[in-house]
Amino acid sequence: MYLGRVVGRVTSTVKHPALEGHRLLVVQPVTPEGKPTGKQVICTDCTGAGAGELVYCCRGKEASFPFLPAEVPTDNNIVAIVDELQVQR
C-alpha cells in the first residue's frame, strides 16, 4: 500500500467489459511528506477521489477486493481519500 496524489484521469472508449463503469485515475506516488517518488500509475477508483487529492492505494490481487463479487481486472486501486496525515520524524 502507498500514498499518492491524483494527477489526472484516463478516458477510454474501449476497455475490458469488467471495467465498464469504473473510473481510471492517474496517481503519482508520494512520500509521507508529499514529495513525488517513482513513476505515475493508473488506478481504478472505488472512492470517488478527485484531482489533487491525497489518496491511499493498494497494489496486487487485493486491489480488486473492494469490487467483489465482481471480478475487476486491476492491479492498482484507490481505497481511501486521506483527510489528514501526521508525520513525526
N, C-alpha and C. Protein backbone atom coordinates (compact mmCIF):
# COMPACT_ATOMS: atom_id res chain seq x y z
N MET A 1 0.84 -1.16 0.00
CA MET A 1 0.00 0.00 0.00
C MET A 1 0.89 1.24 0.00
N TYR A 2 0.39 2.31 -0.60
CA TYR A 2 1.21 3.50 -0.72
C TYR A 2 0.33 4.75 -0.82
N LEU A 3 0.93 5.89 -0.51
CA LEU A 3 0.27 7.18 -0.66
C LEU A 3 0.48 7.69 -2.07
N GLY A 4 -0.49 8.43 -2.57
CA GLY A 4 -0.34 9.02 -3.89
C GLY A 4 -1.20 10.26 -4.02
N ARG A 5 -0.94 11.01 -5.07
CA ARG A 5 -1.73 12.20 -5.36
C ARG A 5 -2.35 12.02 -6.74
N VAL A 6 -3.65 12.25 -6.85
CA VAL A 6 -4.34 12.13 -8.13
C VAL A 6 -3.91 13.29 -9.02
N VAL A 7 -3.34 12.96 -10.19
CA VAL A 7 -2.83 13.99 -11.09
C VAL A 7 -3.54 14.00 -12.45
N GLY A 8 -4.45 13.07 -12.67
CA GLY A 8 -5.15 13.03 -13.95
C GLY A 8 -6.15 11.90 -14.01
N ARG A 9 -6.80 11.78 -15.15
CA ARG A 9 -7.77 10.71 -15.35
C ARG A 9 -7.57 10.10 -16.73
N VAL A 10 -8.07 8.89 -16.90
CA VAL A 10 -7.96 8.19 -18.17
C VAL A 10 -9.36 8.08 -18.77
N THR A 11 -9.47 8.46 -20.03
CA THR A 11 -10.73 8.28 -20.75
C THR A 11 -10.51 7.18 -21.77
N SER A 12 -11.37 6.18 -21.74
CA SER A 12 -11.20 5.03 -22.62
C SER A 12 -12.56 4.62 -23.18
N THR A 13 -12.68 4.60 -24.49
CA THR A 13 -13.95 4.20 -25.10
C THR A 13 -14.01 2.69 -25.28
N VAL A 14 -12.86 2.03 -25.32
CA VAL A 14 -12.81 0.58 -25.45
C VAL A 14 -11.99 0.04 -24.30
N LYS A 15 -12.59 -0.84 -23.50
CA LYS A 15 -11.86 -1.45 -22.38
C LYS A 15 -12.50 -2.79 -22.04
N HIS A 16 -11.86 -3.52 -21.17
CA HIS A 16 -12.38 -4.82 -20.73
C HIS A 16 -13.78 -4.62 -20.18
N PRO A 17 -14.72 -5.51 -20.53
CA PRO A 17 -16.11 -5.35 -20.07
C PRO A 17 -16.25 -5.25 -18.54
N ALA A 18 -15.37 -5.89 -17.80
CA ALA A 18 -15.45 -5.83 -16.33
C ALA A 18 -15.05 -4.45 -15.79
N LEU A 19 -14.43 -3.61 -16.62
CA LEU A 19 -14.05 -2.26 -16.20
C LEU A 19 -15.13 -1.22 -16.53
N GLU A 20 -16.19 -1.64 -17.20
CA GLU A 20 -17.27 -0.72 -17.56
C GLU A 20 -17.83 -0.07 -16.29
N GLY A 21 -17.94 1.24 -16.31
CA GLY A 21 -18.50 1.96 -15.18
C GLY A 21 -17.50 2.29 -14.08
N HIS A 22 -16.26 1.86 -14.21
CA HIS A 22 -15.23 2.14 -13.21
C HIS A 22 -14.31 3.25 -13.71
N ARG A 23 -14.02 4.20 -12.81
CA ARG A 23 -13.13 5.30 -13.16
C ARG A 23 -11.67 4.86 -13.09
N LEU A 24 -10.88 5.38 -14.02
CA LEU A 24 -9.44 5.13 -14.03
C LEU A 24 -8.74 6.47 -13.83
N LEU A 25 -7.89 6.56 -12.81
CA LEU A 25 -7.21 7.80 -12.48
C LEU A 25 -5.70 7.62 -12.54
N VAL A 26 -5.00 8.69 -12.86
CA VAL A 26 -3.53 8.71 -12.88
C VAL A 26 -3.08 9.18 -11.50
N VAL A 27 -2.25 8.37 -10.84
CA VAL A 27 -1.79 8.67 -9.48
C VAL A 27 -0.27 8.74 -9.45
N GLN A 28 0.24 9.81 -8.83
CA GLN A 28 1.68 9.97 -8.61
C GLN A 28 1.99 9.51 -7.19
N PRO A 29 2.73 8.41 -7.01
CA PRO A 29 3.11 8.01 -5.65
C PRO A 29 3.91 9.13 -4.97
N VAL A 30 3.68 9.32 -3.68
CA VAL A 30 4.36 10.37 -2.92
C VAL A 30 4.86 9.82 -1.59
N THR A 31 5.85 10.50 -1.02
CA THR A 31 6.34 10.17 0.32
C THR A 31 5.35 10.72 1.34
N PRO A 32 5.46 10.35 2.61
CA PRO A 32 4.58 10.92 3.63
C PRO A 32 4.68 12.44 3.72
N GLU A 33 5.80 13.00 3.28
CA GLU A 33 5.97 14.46 3.27
C GLU A 33 5.34 15.10 2.03
N GLY A 34 4.86 14.28 1.09
CA GLY A 34 4.20 14.80 -0.10
C GLY A 34 5.09 14.97 -1.31
N LYS A 35 6.33 14.49 -1.25
CA LYS A 35 7.25 14.61 -2.38
C LYS A 35 7.05 13.45 -3.36
N PRO A 36 7.00 13.73 -4.67
CA PRO A 36 6.82 12.66 -5.66
C PRO A 36 7.92 11.62 -5.58
N THR A 37 7.54 10.36 -5.76
CA THR A 37 8.50 9.27 -5.76
C THR A 37 8.04 8.20 -6.76
N GLY A 38 8.90 7.77 -7.62
CA GLY A 38 8.55 6.73 -8.58
C GLY A 38 7.71 7.23 -9.74
N LYS A 39 7.28 6.29 -10.56
CA LYS A 39 6.52 6.59 -11.77
C LYS A 39 5.03 6.69 -11.46
N GLN A 40 4.33 7.45 -12.28
CA GLN A 40 2.88 7.55 -12.16
C GLN A 40 2.25 6.22 -12.54
N VAL A 41 1.11 5.89 -11.91
CA VAL A 41 0.41 4.64 -12.18
C VAL A 41 -1.07 4.94 -12.47
N ILE A 42 -1.70 4.01 -13.16
CA ILE A 42 -3.14 4.10 -13.43
C ILE A 42 -3.84 3.24 -12.38
N CYS A 43 -4.82 3.82 -11.70
CA CYS A 43 -5.55 3.11 -10.64
C CYS A 43 -7.05 3.14 -10.91
N THR A 44 -7.72 2.04 -10.60
CA THR A 44 -9.18 2.11 -10.55
C THR A 44 -9.53 2.87 -9.27
N ASP A 45 -10.77 3.34 -9.19
CA ASP A 45 -11.16 4.16 -8.04
C ASP A 45 -12.51 3.69 -7.51
N CYS A 46 -12.55 3.31 -6.26
CA CYS A 46 -13.81 2.92 -5.63
C CYS A 46 -14.26 3.95 -4.59
N THR A 47 -13.58 5.12 -4.56
CA THR A 47 -13.85 6.11 -3.52
C THR A 47 -14.45 7.42 -4.02
N GLY A 48 -14.31 7.71 -5.30
CA GLY A 48 -14.77 8.98 -5.82
C GLY A 48 -13.74 10.09 -5.68
N ALA A 49 -12.47 9.73 -5.65
CA ALA A 49 -11.38 10.71 -5.50
C ALA A 49 -11.34 11.66 -6.68
N GLY A 50 -10.85 12.87 -6.42
CA GLY A 50 -10.76 13.88 -7.46
C GLY A 50 -9.35 14.39 -7.65
N ALA A 51 -9.19 15.25 -8.63
CA ALA A 51 -7.88 15.81 -8.97
C ALA A 51 -7.25 16.51 -7.79
N GLY A 52 -5.96 16.22 -7.54
CA GLY A 52 -5.20 16.87 -6.49
C GLY A 52 -5.34 16.24 -5.11
N GLU A 53 -6.23 15.28 -4.95
CA GLU A 53 -6.44 14.69 -3.62
C GLU A 53 -5.34 13.70 -3.26
N LEU A 54 -5.02 13.66 -1.98
CA LEU A 54 -4.08 12.68 -1.44
C LEU A 54 -4.88 11.41 -1.19
N VAL A 55 -4.39 10.28 -1.72
CA VAL A 55 -5.12 9.02 -1.63
C VAL A 55 -4.22 7.90 -1.12
N TYR A 56 -4.86 6.83 -0.66
CA TYR A 56 -4.17 5.63 -0.21
C TYR A 56 -4.49 4.55 -1.22
N CYS A 57 -3.47 3.92 -1.78
CA CYS A 57 -3.66 2.96 -2.86
C CYS A 57 -3.17 1.58 -2.45
N CYS A 58 -3.74 0.59 -3.11
CA CYS A 58 -3.42 -0.82 -2.86
C CYS A 58 -2.95 -1.43 -4.17
N ARG A 59 -1.94 -2.29 -4.10
CA ARG A 59 -1.40 -2.98 -5.27
C ARG A 59 -1.65 -4.48 -5.17
N GLY A 60 -1.62 -5.12 -6.33
CA GLY A 60 -1.69 -6.57 -6.37
C GLY A 60 -3.12 -7.09 -6.40
N LYS A 61 -3.26 -8.38 -6.12
CA LYS A 61 -4.56 -9.04 -6.16
C LYS A 61 -5.58 -8.37 -5.25
N GLU A 62 -5.12 -7.88 -4.11
CA GLU A 62 -6.01 -7.25 -3.14
C GLU A 62 -6.68 -6.00 -3.70
N ALA A 63 -6.12 -5.41 -4.75
CA ALA A 63 -6.69 -4.19 -5.34
C ALA A 63 -8.10 -4.43 -5.89
N SER A 64 -8.42 -5.66 -6.25
CA SER A 64 -9.74 -5.95 -6.80
C SER A 64 -10.78 -6.29 -5.73
N PHE A 65 -10.37 -6.48 -4.48
CA PHE A 65 -11.29 -6.90 -3.42
C PHE A 65 -12.45 -5.94 -3.16
N PRO A 66 -12.26 -4.61 -3.22
CA PRO A 66 -13.40 -3.72 -2.95
C PRO A 66 -14.56 -3.89 -3.94
N PHE A 67 -14.30 -4.50 -5.09
CA PHE A 67 -15.33 -4.66 -6.12
C PHE A 67 -16.06 -6.00 -6.04
N LEU A 68 -15.67 -6.87 -5.10
CA LEU A 68 -16.30 -8.19 -5.00
C LEU A 68 -17.80 -8.04 -4.80
N PRO A 69 -18.61 -8.89 -5.34
CA PRO A 69 -18.31 -10.16 -6.00
C PRO A 69 -17.88 -10.01 -7.46
N ALA A 70 -17.92 -8.80 -8.01
CA ALA A 70 -17.44 -8.62 -9.39
C ALA A 70 -15.94 -8.88 -9.44
N GLU A 71 -15.48 -9.39 -10.56
CA GLU A 71 -14.06 -9.65 -10.75
C GLU A 71 -13.49 -8.60 -11.69
N VAL A 72 -13.01 -7.51 -11.12
CA VAL A 72 -12.45 -6.40 -11.89
C VAL A 72 -10.96 -6.63 -12.09
N PRO A 73 -10.48 -6.60 -13.35
CA PRO A 73 -9.06 -6.84 -13.62
C PRO A 73 -8.22 -5.59 -13.33
N THR A 74 -7.76 -5.46 -12.09
CA THR A 74 -6.97 -4.30 -11.70
C THR A 74 -5.82 -4.71 -10.80
N ASP A 75 -4.70 -4.01 -10.94
CA ASP A 75 -3.54 -4.25 -10.08
C ASP A 75 -3.29 -3.08 -9.14
N ASN A 76 -3.98 -1.95 -9.37
CA ASN A 76 -3.84 -0.76 -8.53
C ASN A 76 -5.23 -0.19 -8.30
N ASN A 77 -5.54 0.12 -7.05
CA ASN A 77 -6.85 0.66 -6.72
C ASN A 77 -6.73 1.70 -5.62
N ILE A 78 -7.47 2.78 -5.75
CA ILE A 78 -7.56 3.78 -4.69
C ILE A 78 -8.57 3.26 -3.67
N VAL A 79 -8.12 3.07 -2.42
CA VAL A 79 -9.01 2.52 -1.40
C VAL A 79 -9.39 3.54 -0.33
N ALA A 80 -8.76 4.73 -0.33
CA ALA A 80 -9.11 5.74 0.67
C ALA A 80 -8.67 7.11 0.20
N ILE A 81 -9.44 8.12 0.61
CA ILE A 81 -9.05 9.51 0.42
C ILE A 81 -8.53 9.98 1.78
N VAL A 82 -7.30 10.50 1.80
CA VAL A 82 -6.66 10.89 3.06
C VAL A 82 -7.12 12.29 3.45
N ASP A 83 -7.74 12.41 4.63
CA ASP A 83 -8.19 13.70 5.13
C ASP A 83 -7.08 14.43 5.87
N GLU A 84 -6.29 13.65 6.63
CA GLU A 84 -5.24 14.25 7.44
C GLU A 84 -4.11 13.25 7.57
N LEU A 85 -2.87 13.76 7.58
CA LEU A 85 -1.71 12.90 7.71
C LEU A 85 -0.73 13.57 8.67
N GLN A 86 -0.35 12.86 9.71
CA GLN A 86 0.61 13.39 10.68
C GLN A 86 1.88 12.56 10.59
N VAL A 87 3.00 13.24 10.39
CA VAL A 87 4.29 12.57 10.26
C VAL A 87 5.21 13.07 11.38
N GLN A 88 5.74 12.15 12.16
CA GLN A 88 6.70 12.52 13.22
C GLN A 88 8.03 11.90 12.86
N ARG A 89 9.04 12.73 12.67
CA ARG A 89 10.38 12.23 12.32
C ARG A 89 11.38 12.77 13.28
